[in-house]
Amino acid sequence: MKVSLGAGLLFVVLLGIVFIPTALRFDRPPQPTIVLTETASSPLFLVEVTRVNVREPLASYRGELNITNMSEPDRVSDINVDIPQLGEGEWAGGLVSFADVDGDGTLSIGDRFTIRPQTTGSWRYELFIFYASNAEFAVGYIRLGA
């Protein structure tokens, strides 16, 4: 009886030695979660980062701005702007811009997107933020306008 109890305990210890380091090796850091908040809507849409759970360099993020003309049934004039890498600057001729307000090189609270609204029609704006260049799921999202 003592031998089988000892063998069982030894087996559990060996399992721990094998599987705990493996589990630690594949443990990933948490995926960033970003909360975007509209702070102004006229004459420009101002979108501010109001929460970030993990501070990562701006180069780790990319974005997309989808602009949909809700007054057109066939959506011919829809605009899609790809932001391949976040950083100070503007895209699509100034249609969307980003400012690293605190200048720390990371996506952090207070950083700001500016979106220039279209002048005619009823438009909906959707800003998506993705972590890493090949990410499929947005870590930040906001819908503005119609």
Foldseek 3Di string as FASTA:
>chain_A
DVVVVVVVVVVVVVVCVPVVVVVVVPDDDDDKAWEWDFPDPPPKTKIWTADIPDWDFQQQKWKKKWKFQPVDPVRPPIDIWTGQTDDADATPVRQKGWAPVVPPRTRDGGTIMIGRDDDDGWMKMKMFMAGGRPDDDGSYIDIDTD
